[in-house]
């Protein structure tokens, strides 16, 4: 009884542990001969260039962006050149300007040739085709290696991406969304849309940044072991990602409220007009402050964690740059950013979740516990079940015989009963018994004759 009790306690503990559905995490580092470079998206934190703003742009979007009031008065005239202010605001007939923002973002955003003063990939000059336009919450941005056509066979700063960026501070306009100066940067997988407003990293001018990347692949378990999205359908993107889910949710919420979409939003909804723009911006701000668009992590994700160090740029760097590349005369150490983006080794990390206790494990442990405490096995347990079944069947037959005595005669003797009868006959059929029975028969016959 004690062994049976210990078996029950052990089995109970193992079953509870199995039902908890815990998981273990496997970590591994894989070294390869070639590694795919991630997509790199860069944005100027200033959305619109002052020199590209026309009279129509100011009339249409000035109040919405927050650098003029509703009567086209500049809110901060001291921040702009006096001649531009006089020619633009004092000499304009605002009643003659019509509403149109069809090409506003594309035309007023920072241009690639101004933002990227120099680009080299593995010490070779970059092709313009390596960059594509990407609209984000920061307006017009640019993505390098969008189509995953750049591979690395060596690690180190000389075998990555080298960029010289110009922040164009002279083009900044004072809006309600412009508080900083510099560049936003984000490494991400090619199938993942850039979400720089929430995930981007900032670079200030005047420094040389050394950014070393790592590639990490994460594979998580769905319910009941963990919480992740395995086969979540997407409307605008091919793969499910947290940034894509957030962007899709924001797009639909803005469309439900304002019946339009922002320029950076995907889909076929009509673009917001200047009158709808303020509604869309307010809705976007309310979504960011609420728990409306909550997205679970995918069960498979690729991340690019990084480590960064920085050095101060010298004046001689600008002199060397002028010899190799025609740069604007206003470029100096106060408005230039140098980036080195590379892998520190040709390897990638894998983080994989696996079930800590599987069905096969619990079957093996239960069999081991039975052997330890009862000296039994699964085969012995099957034999015990068979024996119990036979006993129950025999008991049922005996009860049926007691309840129906008339049917007893109809029951044929079993093989065991036949063997017993044969044994009885063989016992009584000995020579002594036969001679005794013969003498008895003779005495009876004599008595009959008398």
Protein backbone atom coordinates (compact mmCIF):
# COMPACT_ATOMS: atom_id res chain seq x y z
CA UNK A 1 0.00 0.00 0.00
CA UNK A 2 2.87 2.36 0.73
CA UNK A 3 4.38 1.81 -2.72
CA UNK A 4 1.00 2.40 -4.34
CA UNK A 5 0.62 5.66 -2.40
CA UNK A 6 4.06 6.87 -3.52
CA UNK A 7 3.16 6.01 -7.11
CA UNK A 8 -0.03 8.07 -6.88
CA UNK A 9 1.83 11.07 -5.40
CA UNK A 10 4.52 10.92 -8.08
CA UNK A 11 2.01 10.56 -10.91
CA UNK A 12 -0.06 13.46 -9.58
CA UNK A 13 2.97 15.76 -9.50
CA UNK A 14 3.99 14.82 -13.03
CA UNK A 15 0.50 15.32 -14.44
CA UNK A 16 0.23 18.78 -12.83
CA UNK A 17 3.60 19.76 -14.29
CA UNK A 18 2.51 18.57 -17.73
CA UNK A 19 -0.74 20.57 -17.56
CA UNK A 20 1.15 23.76 -16.67
CA UNK A 21 2.58 23.78 -20.22
CA UNK A 22 5.92 25.31 -19.30
CA UNK A 23 8.55 25.92 -21.97
CA UNK A 24 12.32 25.96 -22.10
CA UNK A 25 14.48 28.33 -24.15
CA UNK A 26 17.31 27.17 -26.39
CA UNK A 27 20.02 29.68 -27.29
CA UNK A 28 22.51 29.05 -30.07
CA UNK A 29 25.08 30.99 -32.11
CA UNK A 30 25.43 29.97 -35.76
CA UNK A 31 28.50 30.96 -37.77
CA UNK A 32 28.00 31.32 -41.51
CA UNK A 33 30.03 32.27 -44.58
CA UNK A 34 27.50 34.87 -45.76
CA UNK A 35 25.06 37.10 -43.93
CA UNK A 36 22.17 39.15 -45.25
CA UNK A 37 22.36 42.85 -44.48
CA UNK A 38 19.16 44.34 -43.00
CA UNK A 39 17.12 47.18 -44.43
CA UNK A 40 18.28 50.57 -43.13
CA UNK A 41 15.75 53.42 -43.00
CA UNK A 42 16.82 57.00 -42.28
CA UNK A 43 14.66 60.09 -41.81
CA UNK A 44 15.26 63.73 -41.02
CA UNK A 45 13.24 64.64 -37.94
CA UNK A 46 12.07 67.71 -39.88
CA UNK A 47 9.27 66.70 -42.21
CA UNK A 48 9.20 69.60 -44.68
CA UNK A 49 11.88 71.85 -46.17
CA UNK A 50 11.35 75.56 -45.83
CA UNK A 51 12.75 76.37 -49.28
CA UNK A 52 10.33 73.94 -50.93
CA UNK A 53 7.25 75.52 -49.32
CA UNK A 54 5.22 77.50 -51.84
CA UNK A 55 2.56 80.09 -51.19
CA UNK A 56 -0.08 77.47 -51.85
CA UNK A 57 1.56 75.07 -49.37
CA UNK A 58 1.57 77.68 -46.65
CA UNK A 59 -2.03 78.59 -47.29
CA UNK A 60 -3.15 74.98 -47.30
CA UNK A 61 -1.03 73.31 -44.65
CA UNK A 62 0.41 76.13 -42.55
CA UNK A 63 -2.26 76.07 -39.87
CA UNK A 64 -2.47 72.25 -39.88
CA UNK A 65 1.28 71.87 -39.38
CA UNK A 66 1.31 74.51 -36.67
CA UNK A 67 3.70 77.14 -38.02
CA UNK A 68 0.99 79.70 -38.98
CA UNK A 69 -2.33 80.65 -37.46
CA UNK A 70 -5.70 80.49 -39.17
CA UNK A 71 -5.10 83.94 -40.72
CA UNK A 72 -1.74 82.95 -42.31
CA UNK A 73 0.37 84.80 -39.76
CA UNK A 74 3.76 83.24 -39.03
CA UNK A 75 3.87 82.12 -35.38
CA UNK A 76 7.65 82.45 -35.00
CA UNK A 77 8.89 85.00 -37.58
CA UNK A 78 12.16 85.49 -35.67
CA UNK A 79 13.30 81.99 -36.67
CA UNK A 80 13.28 82.67 -40.41
CA UNK A 81 15.21 85.00 -42.75
CA UNK A 82 13.63 88.43 -42.94
CA UNK A 83 13.61 88.57 -46.74
CA UNK A 84 11.81 85.22 -46.98
CA UNK A 85 9.23 86.38 -44.47
CA UNK A 86 8.63 89.67 -46.31
CA UNK A 87 8.37 88.11 -49.77
CA UNK A 88 6.29 85.15 -48.68
CA UNK A 89 3.84 86.60 -46.22
CA UNK A 90 3.58 90.33 -46.79
CA UNK A 91 3.34 90.20 -50.59
CA UNK A 92 0.85 87.35 -50.98
CA UNK A 93 -2.84 87.49 -51.87
CA UNK A 94 -4.06 84.61 -49.74
CA UNK A 95 -7.57 84.69 -51.19
CA UNK A 96 -6.24 83.58 -54.57
CA UNK A 97 -4.64 80.41 -53.27
CA UNK A 98 -6.57 77.14 -53.82
CA UNK A 99 -6.52 73.99 -51.77
CA UNK A 100 -4.37 71.15 -53.07
CA UNK A 101 -1.96 68.74 -51.28
CA UNK A 102 -1.50 66.08 -53.94
CA UNK A 103 2.29 66.32 -54.10
CA UNK A 104 2.89 68.24 -50.88
CA UNK A 105 4.78 65.53 -48.97
CA UNK A 106 6.76 64.30 -51.97
CA UNK A 107 7.87 67.79 -52.95
CA UNK A 108 8.63 69.29 -49.55
CA UNK A 109 10.34 66.27 -48.01
CA UNK A 110 14.12 66.14 -47.76
CA UNK A 111 15.74 64.94 -50.97
CA UNK A 112 18.08 61.95 -51.04
CA UNK A 113 20.90 63.89 -52.69
CA UNK A 114 20.76 66.46 -49.89
CA UNK A 115 20.29 64.08 -46.99
CA UNK A 116 22.91 61.51 -48.07
CA UNK A 117 26.05 63.38 -49.06
CA UNK A 118 28.13 60.21 -49.42
CA UNK A 119 27.28 56.52 -49.44
CA UNK A 120 29.58 53.51 -49.84
CA UNK A 121 28.87 49.81 -49.55
CA UNK A 122 31.87 47.58 -48.82
CA UNK A 123 34.15 50.53 -49.71
CA UNK A 124 32.42 50.98 -53.09
CA UNK A 125 30.12 53.84 -54.02
CA UNK A 126 26.43 53.04 -53.56
CA UNK A 127 24.05 52.94 -56.49
CA UNK A 128 21.01 55.17 -56.41
CA UNK A 129 18.88 52.08 -57.02
CA UNK A 130 19.89 50.80 -53.58
CA UNK A 131 17.60 53.43 -52.02
CA UNK A 132 13.81 53.57 -52.14
CA UNK A 133 11.40 56.19 -50.83
CA UNK A 134 9.48 55.19 -47.69
CA UNK A 135 6.82 57.39 -46.12
CA UNK A 136 6.63 57.25 -42.33
CA UNK A 137 5.39 59.44 -39.50
CA UNK A 138 8.45 61.59 -40.24
CA UNK A 139 7.33 62.22 -43.80
CA UNK A 140 9.58 61.31 -46.72
CA UNK A 141 12.29 58.83 -45.67
CA UNK A 142 14.70 56.53 -47.49
CA UNK A 143 15.42 52.81 -47.10
CA UNK A 144 18.66 51.11 -48.09
CA UNK A 145 18.59 47.41 -49.14
CA UNK A 146 14.81 47.22 -49.25
CA UNK A 147 14.88 44.17 -51.53
CA UNK A 148 17.62 42.20 -49.69
CA UNK A 149 20.12 42.31 -52.54
CA UNK A 150 23.16 43.15 -50.39
CA UNK A 151 25.09 40.30 -48.78
CA UNK A 152 28.16 40.32 -46.55
CA UNK A 153 31.06 37.87 -46.72
CA UNK A 154 33.25 39.73 -44.22
CA UNK A 155 32.65 41.49 -40.93
CA UNK A 156 34.06 44.81 -39.79
CA UNK A 157 33.57 48.51 -40.47
CA UNK A 158 35.17 48.34 -43.91
CA UNK A 159 32.61 45.76 -45.07
CA UNK A 160 29.37 47.49 -44.25
CA UNK A 161 27.49 50.70 -44.99
CA UNK A 162 29.25 54.06 -44.72
CA UNK A 163 27.11 57.22 -44.79
CA UNK A 164 27.77 60.94 -44.57
CA UNK A 165 24.49 62.70 -43.75
CA UNK A 166 23.57 66.38 -43.79
CA UNK A 167 20.87 67.48 -41.35
CA UNK A 168 19.90 70.65 -43.34
CA UNK A 169 19.11 72.68 -40.26
CA UNK A 170 18.59 75.77 -42.43
CA UNK A 171 15.53 74.05 -43.93
CA UNK A 172 13.77 73.42 -40.63
CA UNK A 173 10.37 74.97 -39.96
CA UNK A 174 8.93 75.37 -36.50
CA UNK A 175 5.89 73.11 -36.25
CA UNK A 176 4.08 71.40 -33.39
CA UNK A 177 5.90 68.13 -34.25
CA UNK A 178 9.45 69.53 -34.57
CA UNK A 179 11.33 69.51 -31.28
CA UNK A 180 14.68 67.93 -32.19
CA UNK A 181 17.57 68.29 -34.59
CA UNK A 182 19.19 65.34 -36.33
CA UNK A 183 18.48 62.05 -38.06
CA UNK A 184 16.33 59.04 -37.11
CA UNK A 185 17.71 55.60 -38.00
CA UNK A 186 16.25 52.07 -37.84
CA UNK A 187 17.64 48.67 -38.94
CA UNK A 188 14.84 46.20 -39.66
CA UNK A 189 13.95 43.11 -41.64
CA UNK A 190 12.90 43.61 -45.26
CA UNK A 191 9.37 42.31 -44.66
CA UNK A 192 8.85 44.67 -41.71
CA UNK A 193 7.67 48.26 -42.29
CA UNK A 194 9.79 50.94 -40.57
CA UNK A 195 8.13 52.30 -37.44
CA UNK A 196 10.61 55.04 -36.63
CA UNK A 197 8.33 57.11 -34.45
CA UNK A 198 8.27 54.38 -31.82
CA UNK A 199 11.38 52.29 -32.56
CA UNK A 200 13.88 54.57 -34.30
CA UNK A 201 17.22 55.71 -32.87
CA UNK A 202 18.46 59.29 -33.08
CA UNK A 203 21.81 60.71 -34.22
CA UNK A 204 22.92 64.25 -33.45
CA UNK A 205 25.16 66.19 -35.86
CA UNK A 206 28.86 66.63 -35.23
CA UNK A 207 29.74 63.00 -34.46
CA UNK A 208 30.98 59.87 -36.16
CA UNK A 209 28.84 56.89 -35.04
CA UNK A 210 30.09 53.29 -35.14
CA UNK A 211 27.07 50.97 -35.14
CA UNK A 212 27.72 47.24 -34.82
CA UNK A 213 24.75 45.02 -35.63
CA UNK A 214 23.76 41.51 -34.58
CA UNK A 215 21.11 39.32 -36.13
CA UNK A 216 18.76 37.49 -33.81
CA UNK A 217 16.03 35.05 -34.85
CA UNK A 218 13.33 34.39 -32.27
CA UNK A 219 10.93 31.44 -32.49
CA UNK A 220 8.25 31.38 -29.80
CA UNK A 221 5.51 28.89 -28.95
CA UNK A 222 1.82 29.76 -29.30
CA UNK A 223 -0.90 28.83 -26.82
CA UNK A 224 -0.98 26.93 -24.51
CA UNK A 225 2.79 27.36 -23.97
CA UNK A 226 3.03 31.10 -24.65
CA UNK A 227 1.30 34.14 -26.13
CA UNK A 228 2.25 34.94 -29.72
CA UNK A 229 0.54 35.35 -33.08
CA UNK A 230 1.21 32.41 -35.38
CA UNK A 231 -1.17 32.76 -38.35
CA UNK A 232 -2.55 36.25 -37.94
CA UNK A 233 -4.05 37.59 -41.22
CA UNK A 234 -2.75 40.93 -42.47
CA UNK A 235 -4.53 43.35 -44.74
CA UNK A 236 -1.74 45.51 -46.15
CA UNK A 237 1.46 43.56 -45.48
CA UNK A 238 2.65 40.12 -46.52
CA UNK A 239 3.92 39.04 -43.08
CA UNK A 240 2.60 39.74 -39.63
CA UNK A 241 4.82 42.01 -37.54
CA UNK A 242 4.17 44.27 -34.58
CA UNK A 243 4.95 47.49 -36.55
CA UNK A 244 2.75 46.32 -39.42
CA UNK A 245 -0.09 45.49 -37.04
CA UNK A 246 0.21 48.91 -35.39
CA UNK A 247 0.22 50.72 -38.73
CA UNK A 248 -2.79 48.76 -40.01
CA UNK A 249 -4.73 49.46 -36.82
CA UNK A 250 -3.94 53.18 -36.94
CA UNK A 251 -4.96 53.34 -40.59
CA UNK A 252 -8.36 51.77 -39.95
CA UNK A 253 -9.06 53.83 -36.82
CA UNK A 254 -8.27 57.07 -38.66
CA UNK A 255 -10.45 56.04 -41.58
CA UNK A 256 -13.37 55.20 -39.28
CA UNK A 257 -13.10 58.58 -37.56
CA UNK A 258 -12.03 60.93 -40.37
CA UNK A 259 -12.94 58.99 -43.54
CA UNK A 260 -9.42 59.36 -44.96
CA UNK A 261 -5.83 58.18 -44.51
CA UNK A 262 -2.51 59.90 -43.95
CA UNK A 263 0.21 59.89 -46.59
CA UNK A 264 2.29 57.35 -44.66
CA UNK A 265 -0.67 54.98 -44.18
CA UNK A 266 -1.07 51.98 -46.54
CA UNK A 267 -4.22 51.04 -48.40
CA UNK A 268 -6.60 52.52 -50.96
CA UNK A 269 -8.53 54.89 -48.71
CA UNK A 270 -8.65 58.48 -50.00
CA UNK A 271 -5.92 60.81 -48.77
CA UNK A 272 -6.86 63.34 -46.16
CA UNK A 273 -7.70 66.82 -47.38
CA UNK A 274 -6.35 69.85 -45.48
CA UNK A 275 -9.64 70.02 -43.57
CA UNK A 276 -9.38 66.33 -42.61
CA UNK A 277 -5.67 66.47 -41.80
CA UNK A 278 -6.15 67.92 -38.34
CA UNK A 279 -8.76 65.26 -37.53
CA UNK A 280 -6.36 62.51 -38.59
CA UNK A 281 -3.44 63.95 -36.57
CA UNK A 282 -5.60 64.23 -33.46
CA UNK A 283 -6.86 60.67 -33.91
CA UNK A 284 -3.30 59.41 -34.31
CA UNK A 285 -2.24 61.16 -31.10
CA UNK A 286 -5.19 59.69 -29.18
CA UNK A 287 -4.32 56.17 -30.41
CA UNK A 288 -0.74 56.53 -29.17
CA UNK A 289 -1.95 57.60 -25.72
CA UNK A 290 -4.56 54.83 -25.39
CA UNK A 291 -4.55 51.03 -25.42
CA UNK A 292 -6.52 50.86 -28.64
CA UNK A 293 -3.96 49.30 -30.99
CA UNK A 294 -2.35 46.52 -28.95
CA UNK A 295 -0.50 43.89 -30.96
CA UNK A 296 0.96 40.57 -29.81
CA UNK A 297 4.47 39.54 -30.79
CA UNK A 298 4.75 37.15 -33.75
CA UNK A 299 5.84 33.57 -33.16
CA UNK A 300 8.77 34.14 -35.51
CA UNK A 301 10.69 37.41 -35.68
CA UNK A 302 14.05 38.70 -36.87
CA UNK A 303 15.64 41.46 -34.81
CA UNK A 304 18.82 43.50 -35.20
CA UNK A 305 20.12 44.61 -31.79
CA UNK A 306 23.04 46.98 -31.98
CA UNK A 307 25.84 48.54 -29.98
CA UNK A 308 26.95 52.08 -30.69
CA UNK A 309 29.98 54.22 -29.97
CA UNK A 310 30.75 57.73 -31.20
CA UNK A 311 33.68 59.95 -32.03
CA UNK A 312 33.79 63.68 -32.57
CA UNK A 313 34.31 64.84 -36.15
CA UNK A 314 37.37 66.97 -36.95
CA UNK A 315 37.56 69.80 -39.46
CA UNK A 316 40.00 67.76 -41.55
CA UNK A 317 37.20 65.27 -42.17
CA UNK A 318 35.24 67.97 -43.97
CA UNK A 319 38.31 68.89 -46.03
CA UNK A 320 38.78 65.29 -47.13
CA UNK A 321 35.11 65.06 -47.97
CA UNK A 322 35.27 68.14 -50.18
CA UNK A 323 38.07 66.56 -52.24
CA UNK A 324 36.08 63.40 -52.93
CA UNK A 325 32.58 64.77 -53.25
CA UNK A 326 30.94 68.08 -54.19
CA UNK A 327 29.25 69.11 -50.95
CA UNK A 328 27.36 72.31 -50.10
CA UNK A 329 29.54 75.14 -48.83
CA UNK A 330 27.50 75.38 -45.62
CA UNK A 331 28.49 71.85 -44.65
CA UNK A 332 30.66 71.81 -41.49
CA UNK A 333 31.23 69.80 -38.33
CA UNK A 334 28.10 71.26 -36.75
CA UNK A 335 25.63 69.83 -39.26
CA UNK A 336 27.22 66.61 -40.52
CA UNK A 337 26.66 63.04 -39.32
CA UNK A 338 28.95 60.13 -40.21
CA UNK A 339 27.69 56.54 -39.85
CA UNK A 340 29.47 53.20 -40.04
CA UNK A 341 26.96 50.32 -39.93
CA UNK A 342 28.35 46.78 -39.97
CA UNK A 343 28.29 43.33 -38.37
CA UNK A 344 30.92 42.51 -35.77
CA UNK A 345 30.96 38.85 -36.89
CA UNK A 346 29.40 36.63 -39.54
CA UNK A 347 27.05 34.91 -37.16
CA UNK A 348 23.46 35.04 -36.02
CA UNK A 349 21.79 34.11 -32.78
CA UNK A 350 18.75 31.87 -32.49
CA UNK A 351 16.41 31.89 -29.52
CA UNK A 352 13.92 29.02 -29.69
CA UNK A 353 11.21 28.06 -27.24
CA UNK A 354 10.49 24.33 -26.86
CA UNK A 355 8.01 22.50 -24.59
CA UNK A 356 9.64 21.75 -21.26
CA UNK A 357 7.57 18.60 -20.68
CA UNK A 358 6.04 16.71 -23.59
CA UNK A 359 3.54 13.86 -23.75
CA UNK A 360 6.30 11.36 -24.43
CA UNK A 361 8.13 12.61 -21.35
CA UNK A 362 5.18 12.10 -19.03
CA UNK A 363 4.57 8.58 -20.41
CA UNK A 364 8.21 7.67 -19.80
CA UNK A 365 8.18 9.12 -16.28
CA UNK A 366 4.96 7.33 -15.36
CA UNK A 367 6.41 4.04 -16.62
CA UNK A 368 9.57 4.62 -14.62
CA UNK A 369 7.58 5.41 -11.47
CA UNK A 370 5.58 2.22 -11.86
CA UNK A 371 8.78 0.20 -12.19
CA UNK A 372 10.32 1.93 -9.18
CA UNK A 373 7.42 1.67 -6.74
CA UNK A 374 5.56 -1.43 -7.93
CA UNK A 375 8.14 -3.33 -9.96
CA UNK A 376 5.67 -3.16 -12.82
CA UNK A 377 5.67 -1.93 -16.37
CA UNK A 378 3.17 -0.84 -18.95
CA UNK A 379 2.87 -4.46 -20.09
CA UNK A 380 2.17 -5.56 -16.54
CA UNK A 381 -0.45 -2.86 -16.22
CA UNK A 382 -2.10 -4.13 -19.41
CA UNK A 383 -2.10 -7.67 -18.01
CA UNK A 384 -3.66 -6.44 -14.77
CA UNK A 385 -6.37 -4.70 -16.71
CA UNK A 386 -6.98 -7.87 -18.70
CA UNK A 387 -7.18 -9.90 -15.48
CA UNK A 388 -9.60 -7.43 -13.90
CA UNK A 389 -11.73 -7.57 -17.02
CA UNK A 390 -11.88 -11.33 -16.94
CA UNK A 391 -12.79 -11.32 -13.24
CA UNK A 392 -15.58 -8.87 -13.79
CA UNK A 393 -16.86 -10.91 -16.70
CA UNK A 394 -16.84 -14.14 -14.61
CA UNK A 395 -18.63 -12.41 -11.73
CA UNK A 396 -21.26 -11.11 -14.14
CA UNK A 397 -21.81 -14.66 -15.50
CA UNK A 398 -22.17 -16.12 -11.97
CA UNK A 399 -24.73 -13.49 -11.02
CA UNK A 400 -26.66 -14.19 -14.18
CA UNK A 401 -26.68 -17.92 -13.29
CA UNK A 402 -28.12 -17.27 -9.80
CA UNK A 403 -30.83 -15.02 -11.13
CA UNK A 404 -31.88 -17.52 -13.90
CA UNK A 405 -31.72 -21.11 -12.45
CA UNK A 406 -33.73 -22.56 -15.32
CA UNK A 407 -30.96 -21.71 -17.67
CA UNK A 408 -28.33 -23.56 -15.67
CA UNK A 409 -28.97 -26.84 -17.48
CA UNK A 410 -28.56 -25.12 -20.77
CA UNK A 411 -25.09 -23.97 -19.90
CA UNK A 412 -22.52 -26.28 -21.38
CA UNK A 413 -19.60 -27.27 -19.21
CA UNK A 414 -16.46 -25.40 -19.84
CA UNK A 415 -13.17 -27.07 -20.67
CA UNK A 416 -12.04 -26.73 -17.06
CA UNK A 417 -15.22 -28.38 -15.78
CA UNK A 418 -14.81 -31.21 -18.29
CA UNK A 419 -11.29 -31.79 -17.11
CA UNK A 420 -12.50 -31.97 -13.50
CA UNK A 421 -15.11 -34.56 -14.39
CA UNK A 422 -12.55 -36.67 -16.20
CA UNK A 423 -10.30 -36.51 -13.13
CA UNK A 424 -13.15 -37.72 -10.92
CA UNK A 425 -13.89 -40.61 -13.23
CA UNK A 426 -10.23 -41.55 -13.38
CA UNK A 427 -10.03 -41.57 -9.59
CA UNK A 428 -13.04 -43.83 -9.19
CA UNK A 429 -12.03 -46.06 -12.04
CA UNK A 430 -9.11 -47.70 -10.20
CA UNK A 431 -8.94 -51.60 -10.02
CA UNK A 432 -9.82 -51.61 -6.33
CA UNK A 433 -12.90 -49.57 -6.91
CA UNK A 434 -13.87 -51.71 -9.86
CA UNK A 435 -13.49 -55.04 -7.88
CA UNK A 436 -15.40 -53.60 -4.95
CA UNK A 437 -18.21 -52.55 -7.20
CA UNK A 438 -18.27 -56.04 -8.78
CA UNK A 439 -18.53 -57.77 -5.41
CA UNK A 440 -21.31 -55.46 -4.45
CA UNK A 441 -23.06 -56.30 -7.67
CA UNK A 442 -22.73 -60.08 -6.96
CA UNK A 443 -24.19 -59.78 -3.48
CA UNK A 444 -27.08 -57.78 -4.85
CA UNK A 445 -27.69 -60.39 -7.54
CA UNK A 446 -27.63 -63.23 -4.95
CA UNK A 447 -30.05 -61.45 -2.76
CA UNK A 448 -32.31 -60.97 -5.71
CA UNK A 449 -32.20 -64.65 -6.53
CA UNK A 450 -33.12 -65.62 -2.97
